[in-house]
Amino acid sequence: MQKTKYIFVIGGVMSGVGKGITAASIGRIFKNYGFRTSAIKIDAYINVDAGTMNPIEHGEVFVTEDGDETDQDIGNYERFLDVDLFSTNYMTTGRIYLSVIEKERNMGYKGRCVQVVPHIPMEIVSRIKAAAEKTKAEVMLVEIGGTVGEYENILFLDAARMMKLDNPEDVSFVLVSYLPVPSHLGEMKTKPTQHAARMLNNSGIQPDFIVARGKGELDKPRREKLAFFCWLQSKEDVISAPDVESIYDIPSVFEKQKFGHLLAKRMKMKLNRPHKSAEWDQFILKMKSAKKSVKIAMVGKYFATGNFTLADSYISVIQAVKHAAWSQGAEAEMTWIDSEDYEKDPKKLKELSAYDAVIVPGGFGTRGIEGIISVIQYARENNLPYLGLCYGMQLATIEFARNVLGIKDAHTVEVNAKTKNPIIHINPQQAQNVSHNRYGGTMRLGAYDCDLEEGSKVAKLYDAKKISERHRHRYEFNNDYREAINKAGLKIVGTNKEQNLVEIVELKNHPFFVGTQFHPELKSRPTHAHPLFVGLIKAALK
């Protein structure tokens, strides 16, 4: 087996320009060459995991198979690499310090004085190598969040520098940096990236490659300038990364510049394995040739800041919809609808007739709930294809209880703790966590088995009797109402038998009306669209 090669992806100038997608795309290139590839995301936050981070600031919380609440880039890695990642593939400053302190308390350092340097960087290196061992990675991408020069990244950069010193041929550094085009000049400027490279030098690291992010293609003079002033070996080591129509185009943008070959050469790797890009190429072909259009209303209480809607809060749902639409030769047009609009003006519900399907994604809290419930009622009564995810499933059962079973005060205890008809309640273990103010990492998290009812719509879509899906929630369907809801036509077609929990509901005599307690979007891949999203798109296209 080949020694693991480590590629560190570091940001310059500003965050949010695509380090995660760059890392995922490099990983996809090596996967296409037949290498076992994995990826690690490093967040500099003191938070132990992403579960308690504000989605407005940090984006979606992506849950792994083993129940870790991680950064959204872990989702990008899974989608591009078509692999499952684990808690070992994610680390934060808080997680590192917690681990070192616990080890010190348990005499793990055998009485030695424990210091920030070298023990924190050593712990980081140890975790990176443990992740490579667990995933059996031949190529491990390591993305360091934020940008170079940030004080909180110093220890992670120091760990990377130590790994390079130990095995120079096994480690490569990629600086992803933004090249702005000031409107009054109309010229792409390299100076901010030169400063970023110099700051990286101050950490003892020389970038091997610079991925030049910008609105347009990088031209020859600027490529040469960056190579010269940032001390790169050749101008070919500057990779142009212009804005593209789809993030899934980026591996081919890199391949045209022989980025994979350049990295392999730098790390003394042989790319003499069969090239296996057929599956990815077929997906890209389907994506590019989509001719039909399907209009999806995404209804909820979205995380917004000022006049901007932050789609990153639901990035996995967005990608799952796109994957499913492309698999059916269609392009998905998604519209964000604030459910509070329907609370203020119920007449606006008629707007939903312009859409082919409705999705209510997961969420927490009380704002906009009655608006969502009215949307669900509209979808149910007007045969509009509906997919409810987590909270979207819970609110579907409440709507049905109110308007079909006649239980007018049906509710969830998350919103109304004193309701006499708690269709959704909190299970005892979660209630104990809440009472003790334990919120981090305490929900029902990760993969759980679900048995499907034979003959149901979802069983046919999955083509299986038993599935496993990922969860992130604290409240559950109350089994006291199970028989009544089932008998009235909202069928319980998926259950977790170990804990007797309702996982999937499906409405009889409706084109598509499905609610899941889990988050199917977390397992959708570009080359393997998730069956439930495919079912929704098929119904929408009809």
Protein backbone atom coordinates (compact mmCIF):
# COMPACT_ATOMS: atom_id res chain seq x y z
CA MET A 1 0.00 0.00 0.00
CA GLN A 2 1.24 3.47 -0.90
CA LYS A 3 2.10 5.86 1.94
CA THR A 4 -0.59 8.45 2.56
CA LYS A 5 -0.02 11.72 0.76
CA TYR A 6 -1.37 14.85 2.49
CA ILE A 7 -2.56 17.93 0.59
CA PHE A 8 -3.22 20.95 2.80
CA VAL A 9 -5.66 23.50 1.38
CA ILE A 10 -5.27 26.94 2.95
CA GLY A 11 -7.17 30.18 2.26
CA GLY A 12 -5.87 33.63 1.47
CA VAL A 13 -7.37 37.16 1.31
CA MET A 14 -10.92 36.21 2.33
CA SER A 15 -13.01 33.23 3.37
CA GLY A 16 -15.91 31.80 1.38
CA VAL A 17 -14.14 31.69 -1.98
CA GLY A 18 -14.17 27.92 -2.35
CA LYS A 19 -11.48 26.16 -0.30
CA GLY A 20 -13.87 23.30 0.45
CA ILE A 21 -14.89 22.85 -3.18
CA THR A 22 -11.23 23.12 -4.23
CA ALA A 23 -10.29 20.36 -1.78
CA ALA A 24 -13.26 18.21 -2.87
CA SER A 25 -12.40 18.71 -6.56
CA ILE A 26 -8.75 17.76 -6.05
CA GLY A 27 -9.99 14.70 -4.16
CA ARG A 28 -12.32 13.78 -7.04
CA ILE A 29 -9.41 13.97 -9.50
CA PHE A 30 -7.36 11.50 -7.44
CA LYS A 31 -10.41 9.28 -6.93
CA ASN A 32 -10.85 9.18 -10.71
CA TYR A 33 -7.25 7.96 -10.93
CA GLY A 34 -8.13 5.07 -8.63
CA PHE A 35 -6.69 6.36 -5.35
CA ARG A 36 -8.51 5.87 -2.04
CA THR A 37 -9.22 9.48 -1.17
CA SER A 38 -10.57 11.14 1.96
CA ALA A 39 -10.75 14.64 3.43
CA ILE A 40 -10.54 16.47 6.76
CA LYS A 41 -12.05 19.83 7.68
CA ILE A 42 -10.41 21.93 10.39
CA ASP A 43 -12.44 24.71 12.02
CA ALA A 44 -10.57 27.13 14.28
CA TYR A 45 -13.58 27.72 16.54
CA ILE A 46 -13.50 26.94 20.26
CA ASN A 47 -16.83 25.11 19.73
CA VAL A 48 -16.32 21.36 20.13
CA ASP A 49 -18.51 20.71 17.08
CA ALA A 50 -20.69 22.64 14.62
CA GLY A 51 -23.94 21.70 16.36
CA THR A 52 -24.04 24.82 18.54
CA MET A 53 -22.85 27.23 15.85
CA ASN A 54 -25.24 29.80 14.39
CA PRO A 55 -26.21 28.68 10.84
CA ILE A 56 -26.34 32.34 9.74
CA GLU A 57 -22.62 32.63 10.42
CA HIS A 58 -21.49 29.09 9.75
CA GLY A 59 -23.96 27.50 7.35
CA GLU A 60 -25.51 24.05 7.50
CA VAL A 61 -24.67 21.50 10.18
CA PHE A 62 -23.76 18.31 8.32
CA VAL A 63 -24.24 15.07 10.28
CA THR A 64 -21.98 12.08 9.65
CA GLU A 65 -22.89 8.39 9.81
CA ASP A 66 -21.48 8.15 13.34
CA GLY A 67 -23.47 11.20 14.50
CA ASP A 68 -20.90 13.97 14.48
CA GLU A 69 -22.22 17.51 13.89
CA THR A 70 -19.75 18.95 11.41
CA ASP A 71 -19.09 21.77 8.97
CA GLN A 72 -20.95 21.84 5.64
CA ASP A 73 -17.71 21.14 3.77
CA ILE A 74 -17.81 17.56 5.07
CA GLY A 75 -20.99 17.28 2.99
CA ASN A 76 -19.17 18.62 -0.07
CA TYR A 77 -16.42 16.04 0.44
CA GLU A 78 -18.93 13.19 0.73
CA ARG A 79 -20.76 14.30 -2.41
CA PHE A 80 -17.63 14.74 -4.55
CA LEU A 81 -15.77 11.67 -3.27
CA ASP A 82 -18.85 9.43 -2.90
CA VAL A 83 -17.63 8.15 0.48
CA ASP A 84 -18.89 8.26 4.06
CA LEU A 85 -16.82 10.38 6.42
CA PHE A 86 -16.73 10.20 10.21
CA SER A 87 -16.04 12.23 13.34
CA THR A 88 -12.31 11.59 12.78
CA ASN A 89 -12.57 13.70 9.59
CA TYR A 90 -13.54 16.85 11.49
CA MET A 91 -11.76 18.84 14.16
CA THR A 92 -12.07 22.19 15.90
CA THR A 93 -9.79 24.10 18.24
CA GLY A 94 -12.21 23.28 21.05
CA ARG A 95 -12.05 19.56 20.26
CA ILE A 96 -8.24 19.60 20.19
CA TYR A 97 -7.86 21.45 23.48
CA LEU A 98 -10.53 19.31 25.15
CA SER A 99 -8.69 16.15 24.08
CA VAL A 100 -5.31 17.42 25.35
CA ILE A 101 -6.79 18.56 28.68
CA GLU A 102 -8.59 15.22 29.19
CA LYS A 103 -5.37 13.36 28.40
CA GLU A 104 -3.47 15.52 30.89
CA ARG A 105 -6.12 14.89 33.60
CA ASN A 106 -5.77 11.15 33.01
CA MET A 107 -1.96 11.29 33.29
CA GLY A 108 -1.62 10.66 29.56
CA TYR A 109 1.48 12.83 29.51
CA LYS A 110 2.99 10.96 32.48
CA GLY A 111 3.53 14.03 34.62
CA ARG A 112 5.27 16.17 32.01
CA CYS A 113 4.44 19.88 31.76
CA VAL A 114 1.84 20.23 29.00
CA GLN A 115 2.33 23.23 26.72
CA VAL A 116 0.45 24.79 23.83
CA VAL A 117 3.54 24.12 21.72
CA PRO A 118 4.36 21.34 21.00
CA HIS A 119 1.44 19.40 22.48
CA ILE A 120 -1.46 21.08 20.63
CA PRO A 121 0.17 20.74 17.14
CA MET A 122 1.19 17.16 18.03
CA GLU A 123 -2.43 16.34 18.87
CA ILE A 124 -3.52 17.84 15.53
CA VAL A 125 -0.95 15.74 13.63
CA SER A 126 -2.03 12.65 15.56
CA ARG A 127 -5.68 13.21 14.58
CA ILE A 128 -4.85 13.81 10.92
CA LYS A 129 -2.92 10.53 10.79
CA ALA A 130 -5.67 8.67 12.69
CA ALA A 131 -8.23 9.83 10.12
CA ALA A 132 -5.99 8.63 7.29
CA GLU A 133 -5.64 5.26 9.00
CA LYS A 134 -9.39 4.87 9.66
CA THR A 135 -10.33 5.73 6.07
CA LYS A 136 -7.31 3.89 4.60
CA ALA A 137 -6.69 7.00 2.52
CA GLU A 138 -3.88 7.07 0.00
CA VAL A 139 -4.59 10.75 -0.57
CA MET A 140 -5.86 12.86 2.32
CA LEU A 141 -7.06 16.42 1.70
CA VAL A 142 -6.84 18.68 4.77
CA GLU A 143 -8.72 21.98 4.61
CA ILE A 144 -7.80 24.58 7.19
CA GLY A 145 -10.82 26.88 7.63
CA GLY A 146 -10.65 30.65 7.46
CA THR A 147 -7.58 32.37 6.04
CA VAL A 148 -3.84 32.49 6.57
CA GLY A 149 -2.83 35.24 8.98
CA GLU A 150 -5.69 34.61 11.37
CA TYR A 151 -4.27 34.20 14.85
CA GLU A 152 -6.48 31.20 15.62
CA ASN A 153 -5.01 29.20 12.68
CA ILE A 154 -1.37 29.41 13.80
CA LEU A 155 -1.34 26.06 15.61
CA PHE A 156 -2.94 24.21 12.69
CA LEU A 157 -0.42 25.71 10.28
CA ASP A 158 2.34 24.71 12.69
CA ALA A 159 1.07 21.12 12.65
CA ALA A 160 1.10 21.17 8.83
CA ARG A 161 4.65 22.56 8.84
CA MET A 162 5.77 19.77 11.21
CA MET A 163 4.31 17.12 8.88
CA LYS A 164 6.14 18.66 5.90
CA LEU A 165 9.45 18.67 7.82
CA ASP A 166 9.06 15.00 8.77
CA ASN A 167 8.17 13.78 5.26
CA PRO A 168 8.74 16.49 2.60
CA GLU A 169 7.60 14.32 -0.32
CA ASP A 170 4.36 13.28 1.37
CA VAL A 171 2.97 16.79 1.97
CA SER A 172 1.91 19.53 -0.44
CA PHE A 173 0.43 22.98 0.20
CA VAL A 174 -2.27 24.64 -1.91
CA LEU A 175 -3.13 28.29 -1.29
CA VAL A 176 -6.64 29.24 -2.48
CA SER A 177 -6.71 32.99 -2.85
CA TYR A 178 -9.08 35.58 -4.29
CA LEU A 179 -8.02 38.00 -7.03
CA PRO A 180 -10.36 41.02 -6.98
CA VAL A 181 -11.23 43.20 -9.98
CA PRO A 182 -11.92 46.71 -8.60
CA SER A 183 -14.74 48.21 -10.66
CA HIS A 184 -12.97 51.54 -11.15
CA LEU A 185 -9.89 49.76 -12.54
CA GLY A 186 -11.30 46.80 -14.44
CA GLU A 187 -8.07 44.90 -13.81
CA MET A 188 -7.51 41.70 -11.81
CA LYS A 189 -5.15 42.50 -8.93
CA THR A 190 -2.54 40.03 -7.62
CA LYS A 191 -1.19 42.06 -4.70
CA PRO A 192 -3.62 40.70 -2.03
CA THR A 193 -2.59 37.14 -2.97
CA GLN A 194 1.09 38.08 -2.84
CA HIS A 195 0.51 39.31 0.72
CA ALA A 196 -1.34 36.07 1.59
CA ALA A 197 1.57 33.97 0.28
CA ARG A 198 4.03 36.08 2.31
CA MET A 199 1.93 35.60 5.45
CA LEU A 200 2.00 31.86 4.82
CA ASN A 201 5.79 32.10 4.54
CA ASN A 202 5.79 33.76 7.97
CA SER A 203 4.24 30.54 9.33
CA GLY A 204 7.13 28.55 7.89
CA ILE A 205 5.16 27.27 4.90
CA GLN A 206 5.85 27.84 1.21
CA PRO A 207 2.82 27.15 -1.01
CA ASP A 208 3.49 24.63 -3.76
CA PHE A 209 0.46 25.79 -5.75
CA ILE A 210 -1.83 28.79 -5.84
CA VAL A 211 -5.45 28.35 -6.91
CA ALA A 212 -6.37 31.79 -8.22
CA ARG A 213 -10.07 32.39 -7.59
CA GLY A 214 -11.74 35.17 -9.47
CA LYS A 215 -14.62 36.24 -11.62
CA GLY A 216 -12.82 35.40 -14.86
CA GLU A 217 -9.90 33.41 -16.22
CA LEU A 218 -6.41 34.25 -15.03
CA ASP A 219 -4.31 35.67 -17.86
CA LYS A 220 -0.64 34.98 -18.62
CA PRO A 221 0.90 38.20 -17.18
CA ARG A 222 -0.83 37.74 -13.82
CA ARG A 223 -0.01 34.03 -13.74
CA GLU A 224 3.68 34.86 -14.28
CA LYS A 225 3.58 37.64 -11.70
CA LEU A 226 2.09 35.35 -9.03
CA ALA A 227 4.61 32.59 -9.76
CA PHE A 228 7.53 35.03 -9.51
CA PHE A 229 6.49 37.05 -6.46
CA CYS A 230 5.15 34.04 -4.52
CA TRP A 231 8.26 31.93 -5.18
CA LEU A 232 6.55 29.10 -7.04
CA GLN A 233 8.62 26.70 -9.14
CA SER A 234 6.75 27.43 -12.37
CA LYS A 235 3.89 29.54 -13.73
CA GLU A 236 2.03 26.21 -14.29
CA ASP A 237 1.81 25.99 -10.50
CA VAL A 238 -0.72 28.84 -10.58
CA ILE A 239 -4.12 27.28 -11.27
CA SER A 240 -6.86 29.48 -12.70
CA ALA A 241 -10.23 28.99 -10.96
CA PRO A 242 -12.81 31.32 -12.50
CA ASP A 243 -16.49 31.35 -11.52
CA VAL A 244 -18.29 28.45 -13.21
CA GLU A 245 -21.91 27.51 -13.85
CA SER A 246 -21.78 24.55 -11.46
CA ILE A 247 -19.40 23.50 -8.68
CA TYR A 248 -19.33 20.05 -10.31
CA ASP A 249 -17.47 21.54 -13.30
CA ILE A 250 -14.43 22.37 -11.18
CA PRO A 251 -12.63 18.98 -11.35
CA SER A 252 -12.57 19.26 -15.15
CA VAL A 253 -11.41 22.93 -14.94
CA PHE A 254 -8.48 21.70 -12.82
CA GLU A 255 -7.82 18.68 -15.03
CA LYS A 256 -7.46 20.85 -18.14
CA GLN A 257 -4.57 22.55 -16.33
CA LYS A 258 -3.11 19.14 -15.32
CA PHE A 259 -3.45 20.01 -11.62
CA GLY A 260 -3.64 16.35 -10.60
CA HIS A 261 -0.48 15.50 -12.54
CA LEU A 262 1.37 18.48 -11.08
CA LEU A 263 0.42 17.50 -7.51
CA ALA A 264 1.34 13.86 -8.14
CA LYS A 265 4.72 14.84 -9.58
CA ARG A 266 5.45 17.12 -6.62
CA MET A 267 4.67 14.30 -4.16
CA LYS A 268 6.48 11.58 -6.18
CA MET A 269 3.26 9.72 -6.99
CA LYS A 270 2.70 7.58 -10.07
CA LEU A 271 -0.57 8.11 -11.94
CA ASN A 272 -0.30 4.79 -13.76
CA ARG A 273 -3.64 3.42 -12.57
CA PRO A 274 -6.69 3.13 -14.86
CA HIS A 275 -8.59 6.40 -15.11
CA LYS A 276 -12.12 5.83 -13.76
CA SER A 277 -14.00 9.02 -14.53
CA ALA A 278 -16.84 7.40 -16.54
CA GLU A 279 -19.39 7.67 -13.72
CA TRP A 280 -18.57 11.32 -13.05
CA ASP A 281 -18.49 12.14 -16.76
CA GLN A 282 -21.92 10.56 -17.23
CA PHE A 283 -23.30 12.67 -14.38
CA ILE A 284 -21.83 15.87 -15.90
CA LEU A 285 -23.36 14.94 -19.27
CA LYS A 286 -26.81 14.52 -17.67
CA MET A 287 -26.40 17.81 -15.82
CA LYS A 288 -25.44 19.69 -18.99
CA SER A 289 -28.16 18.13 -21.14
CA ALA A 290 -31.11 18.77 -18.78
CA LYS A 291 -33.86 20.34 -20.90
CA LYS A 292 -37.00 20.23 -18.74
CA SER A 293 -37.67 22.57 -15.85
CA VAL A 294 -39.26 21.83 -12.48
CA LYS A 295 -40.31 24.57 -10.04
CA ILE A 296 -39.82 23.81 -6.35
CA ALA A 297 -41.07 25.98 -3.49
CA MET A 298 -38.76 25.77 -0.45
CA VAL A 299 -40.93 26.90 2.45
CA GLY A 300 -39.70 27.65 5.94
CA LYS A 301 -38.25 30.20 8.33
CA TYR A 302 -35.04 30.77 6.55
CA PHE A 303 -31.85 32.02 8.00
CA ALA A 304 -31.43 35.46 6.49
CA THR A 305 -29.31 38.47 7.21
CA GLY A 306 -30.69 41.80 6.07
CA ASN A 307 -31.79 41.52 2.45
CA PHE A 308 -29.83 38.31 1.84
CA THR A 309 -31.10 34.74 2.04
CA LEU A 310 -28.31 32.39 3.07
CA ALA A 311 -28.81 29.26 1.00
CA ASP A 312 -25.80 27.66 2.79
CA SER A 313 -28.15 26.94 5.69
CA TYR A 314 -29.77 24.25 3.51
CA ILE A 315 -26.97 23.39 1.11
CA SER A 316 -27.51 19.61 1.29
CA VAL A 317 -31.23 19.94 0.50
CA ILE A 318 -30.43 22.19 -2.47
CA GLN A 319 -27.86 19.74 -3.82
CA ALA A 320 -30.16 16.73 -3.27
CA VAL A 321 -32.92 18.45 -5.28
CA LYS A 322 -30.45 19.24 -8.07
CA HIS A 323 -29.09 15.68 -8.16
CA ALA A 324 -32.62 14.26 -8.43
CA ALA A 325 -33.70 16.75 -11.09
CA TRP A 326 -30.63 16.13 -13.23
CA SER A 327 -31.15 12.36 -12.94
CA GLN A 328 -34.56 12.91 -14.56
CA GLY A 329 -33.26 15.21 -17.30
CA ALA A 330 -34.57 18.34 -15.61
CA GLU A 331 -33.23 21.54 -14.10
CA ALA A 332 -34.61 22.51 -10.68
CA GLU A 333 -35.75 26.08 -10.14
CA MET A 334 -35.91 26.64 -6.39
CA THR A 335 -37.69 29.59 -4.79
CA TRP A 336 -37.25 30.50 -1.12
CA ILE A 337 -40.56 31.35 0.54
CA ASP A 338 -40.76 32.75 4.05
CA SER A 339 -43.67 31.00 5.78
CA GLU A 340 -44.41 34.17 7.79
CA ASP A 341 -45.75 35.70 4.57
CA TYR A 342 -48.64 33.22 4.68
CA GLU A 343 -49.36 33.98 8.32
CA LYS A 344 -49.72 37.68 7.49
CA ASP A 345 -51.75 37.08 4.33
CA PRO A 346 -53.34 33.60 3.89
CA LYS A 347 -54.60 34.61 0.44
CA LYS A 348 -51.02 34.34 -0.76
CA LEU A 349 -51.29 30.54 -0.51
CA LYS A 350 -52.75 30.57 -4.02
CA GLU A 351 -49.25 31.43 -5.22
CA LEU A 352 -48.29 27.80 -4.58
CA SER A 353 -50.31 26.74 -7.63
CA ALA A 354 -47.43 28.09 -9.74
CA TYR A 355 -45.08 25.43 -8.35
CA ASP A 356 -44.64 21.76 -9.23
CA ALA A 357 -43.69 20.66 -5.69
CA VAL A 358 -43.13 21.89 -2.14
CA ILE A 359 -40.34 21.04 0.29
CA VAL A 360 -40.36 21.95 3.98
CA PRO A 361 -36.82 21.33 5.28
CA GLY A 362 -35.66 20.82 8.84
CA GLY A 363 -35.55 23.61 11.39
CA PHE A 364 -36.02 24.58 15.01
CA GLY A 365 -38.07 27.08 16.96
CA THR A 366 -41.50 28.67 16.79
CA ARG A 367 -41.34 31.42 14.16
CA GLY A 368 -43.46 30.93 11.03
CA ILE A 369 -44.89 27.57 12.14
CA GLU A 370 -48.56 28.33 11.44
CA GLY A 371 -47.59 29.52 7.96
CA ILE A 372 -45.83 26.21 7.26
CA ILE A 373 -48.85 24.26 8.52
CA SER A 374 -51.12 26.18 6.13
CA VAL A 375 -48.73 25.37 3.24
CA ILE A 376 -48.85 21.68 4.14
CA GLN A 377 -52.66 21.78 4.20
CA TYR A 378 -52.66 23.41 0.75
CA ALA A 379 -50.30 20.74 -0.64
CA ARG A 380 -52.36 17.92 0.85
CA GLU A 381 -55.72 19.23 -0.37
CA ASN A 382 -54.53 20.31 -3.82
CA ASN A 383 -52.49 17.22 -4.76
CA LEU A 384 -49.27 19.25 -4.84
CA PRO A 385 -46.25 16.92 -4.41
CA TYR A 386 -44.83 17.43 -0.92
CA LEU A 387 -41.67 16.33 0.88
CA GLY A 388 -41.28 17.19 4.56
CA LEU A 389 -37.89 16.72 6.18
CA CYS A 390 -37.63 16.32 9.96
CA TYR A 391 -39.63 19.37 11.15
CA GLY A 392 -41.47 19.16 7.82
CA MET A 393 -42.63 15.64 8.73
CA GLN A 394 -43.60 16.60 12.27
CA LEU A 395 -45.67 19.58 11.11
CA ALA A 396 -47.36 17.39 8.46
CA THR A 397 -48.65 15.08 11.21
CA ILE A 398 -49.87 18.10 13.21
CA GLU A 399 -51.68 19.54 10.16
CA PHE A 400 -53.33 16.16 9.51
CA ALA A 401 -54.38 15.78 13.16
CA ARG A 402 -55.93 19.26 13.18
CA ASN A 403 -57.70 19.26 9.83
CA VAL A 404 -58.54 15.59 9.23
CA LEU A 405 -58.86 14.14 12.72
CA GLY A 406 -60.41 17.34 14.07
CA ILE A 407 -57.92 17.73 16.95
CA LYS A 408 -57.82 21.51 16.72
CA ASP A 409 -55.21 22.07 19.44
CA ALA A 410 -52.81 19.42 18.09
CA HIS A 411 -49.25 20.72 18.37
CA THR A 412 -45.62 20.01 19.15
CA VAL A 413 -44.32 20.55 22.67
CA GLU A 414 -41.37 22.37 21.11
CA VAL A 415 -43.78 25.23 20.33
CA ASN A 416 -46.47 24.73 22.97
CA ALA A 417 -45.23 22.85 26.02
CA LYS A 418 -48.74 22.84 27.57
CA THR A 419 -50.71 21.47 24.61
CA LYS A 420 -53.27 18.81 25.57
CA ASN A 421 -52.63 17.00 22.31
CA PRO A 422 -48.87 16.70 21.85
CA ILE A 423 -48.66 14.98 18.46
CA ILE A 424 -44.92 15.62 18.66
CA HIS A 425 -43.30 15.20 22.06
CA ILE A 426 -39.84 14.93 23.54
CA ASN A 427 -38.53 11.52 24.50
CA PRO A 428 -37.40 11.04 28.14
CA GLN A 429 -33.67 11.01 27.39
CA GLN A 430 -33.85 14.26 25.45
CA ALA A 431 -36.05 15.83 28.14
CA GLN A 432 -33.33 15.06 30.67
CA ASN A 433 -30.68 16.70 28.47
CA VAL A 434 -32.78 19.86 28.08
CA SER A 435 -33.52 20.05 31.82
CA HIS A 436 -29.77 20.01 32.51
CA ASN A 437 -28.99 22.53 29.72
CA ARG A 438 -27.09 19.88 27.76
CA TYR A 439 -27.51 20.83 24.11
CA GLY A 440 -24.23 20.09 22.35
CA GLY A 441 -24.18 16.65 20.72
CA THR A 442 -27.23 15.40 22.65
CA MET A 443 -29.90 15.03 19.94
CA ARG A 444 -30.73 11.80 18.12
CA LEU A 445 -27.75 11.96 15.81
CA GLY A 446 -26.32 9.85 13.01
CA ALA A 447 -27.49 6.73 11.21
CA TYR A 448 -30.47 4.68 12.45
CA ASP A 449 -32.16 1.69 10.80
CA CYS A 450 -35.67 2.02 9.43
CA ASP A 451 -37.98 -0.83 8.39
CA LEU A 452 -40.22 -0.03 5.41
CA GLU A 453 -43.79 -1.20 4.93
CA GLU A 454 -44.04 -3.53 1.98
CA GLY A 455 -45.99 -2.07 -0.94
CA SER A 456 -45.63 1.52 0.21
CA LYS A 457 -44.50 4.26 -2.18
CA VAL A 458 -41.25 4.78 -0.30
CA ALA A 459 -40.44 1.04 -0.23
CA LYS A 460 -40.81 0.98 -4.01
CA LEU A 461 -38.61 4.06 -4.38
CA TYR A 462 -35.88 2.62 -2.15
CA ASP A 463 -36.41 -0.87 -3.62
CA ALA A 464 -35.63 -2.19 -0.14
CA LYS A 465 -37.23 -3.52 3.03
CA LYS A 466 -34.75 -1.91 5.41
CA ILE A 467 -32.76 1.30 5.11
CA SER A 468 -30.39 3.41 7.20
CA GLU A 469 -30.65 7.20 7.32
CA ARG A 470 -29.10 10.03 9.32
CA HIS A 471 -30.89 12.03 12.01
CA ARG A 472 -30.55 15.31 13.86
CA HIS A 473 -33.50 16.08 16.09
CA ARG A 474 -34.75 16.06 19.67
CA TYR A 475 -38.53 15.60 19.27
CA GLU A 476 -40.44 12.50 18.09
CA PHE A 477 -43.88 11.52 16.88
CA ASN A 478 -46.13 10.56 19.82
CA ASN A 479 -47.18 6.91 19.44
CA ASP A 480 -50.43 7.61 21.31
CA TYR A 481 -51.77 9.08 18.03
CA ARG A 482 -50.29 6.43 15.78
CA GLU A 483 -53.38 4.28 15.28
CA ALA A 484 -55.76 7.20 14.63
CA ILE A 485 -53.49 8.88 12.06
CA ASN A 486 -52.74 5.58 10.33
CA LYS A 487 -56.43 4.66 10.09
CA ALA A 488 -57.36 8.09 8.69
CA GLY A 489 -54.95 7.73 5.75
CA LEU A 490 -51.62 9.25 6.79
CA LYS A 491 -49.80 5.93 6.79
CA ILE A 492 -46.81 5.20 8.97
CA VAL A 493 -44.62 3.35 6.45
CA GLY A 494 -41.21 3.54 8.11
CA THR A 495 -40.29 2.73 11.72
CA ASN A 496 -37.21 2.24 13.83
CA LYS A 497 -38.09 -1.05 15.51
CA GLU A 498 -35.32 -0.90 18.13
CA GLN A 499 -36.90 2.16 19.78
CA ASN A 500 -40.40 1.92 18.23
CA LEU A 501 -40.07 5.36 16.62
CA VAL A 502 -41.96 6.69 13.61
CA GLU A 503 -39.56 7.52 10.77
CA ILE A 504 -41.69 7.98 7.62
CA VAL A 505 -45.31 8.94 6.92
CA GLU A 506 -46.99 8.74 3.53
CA LEU A 507 -50.43 9.98 2.48
CA LYS A 508 -52.77 7.63 0.64
CA ASN A 509 -54.40 8.73 -2.62
CA HIS A 510 -51.97 11.58 -3.26
CA PRO A 511 -49.42 11.96 -6.11
CA PHE A 512 -46.58 12.30 -3.57
CA PHE A 513 -46.92 13.31 0.07
CA VAL A 514 -44.06 12.01 2.21
CA GLY A 515 -42.58 13.12 5.52
CA THR A 516 -39.34 11.77 7.00
CA GLN A 517 -38.07 12.14 10.54
CA PHE A 518 -34.54 11.76 9.19
CA HIS A 519 -32.56 13.92 6.76
CA PRO A 520 -32.32 12.05 3.43
CA GLU A 521 -30.49 14.98 1.84
CA LEU A 522 -27.35 14.05 3.79
CA LYS A 523 -26.90 10.86 1.74
CA SER A 524 -27.62 12.22 -1.73
CA ARG A 525 -24.70 12.09 -4.16
CA PRO A 526 -24.28 13.57 -7.66
CA THR A 527 -23.82 10.11 -9.14
CA HIS A 528 -26.52 8.50 -6.93
CA ALA A 529 -29.51 10.80 -6.46
CA HIS A 530 -31.52 10.00 -3.32
CA PRO A 531 -34.64 7.92 -4.09
CA LEU A 532 -37.03 10.15 -2.09
CA PHE A 533 -35.95 13.28 -3.94
CA VAL A 534 -36.17 11.35 -7.21
CA GLY A 535 -39.74 10.35 -6.26
CA LEU A 536 -40.64 13.97 -5.56
CA ILE A 537 -39.16 15.18 -8.88
CA LYS A 538 -40.93 12.44 -10.85
CA ALA A 539 -44.25 13.42 -9.28
CA ALA A 540 -43.53 17.11 -9.90
CA LEU A 541 -42.74 16.50 -13.58
CA LYS A 542 -46.11 14.78 -14.02
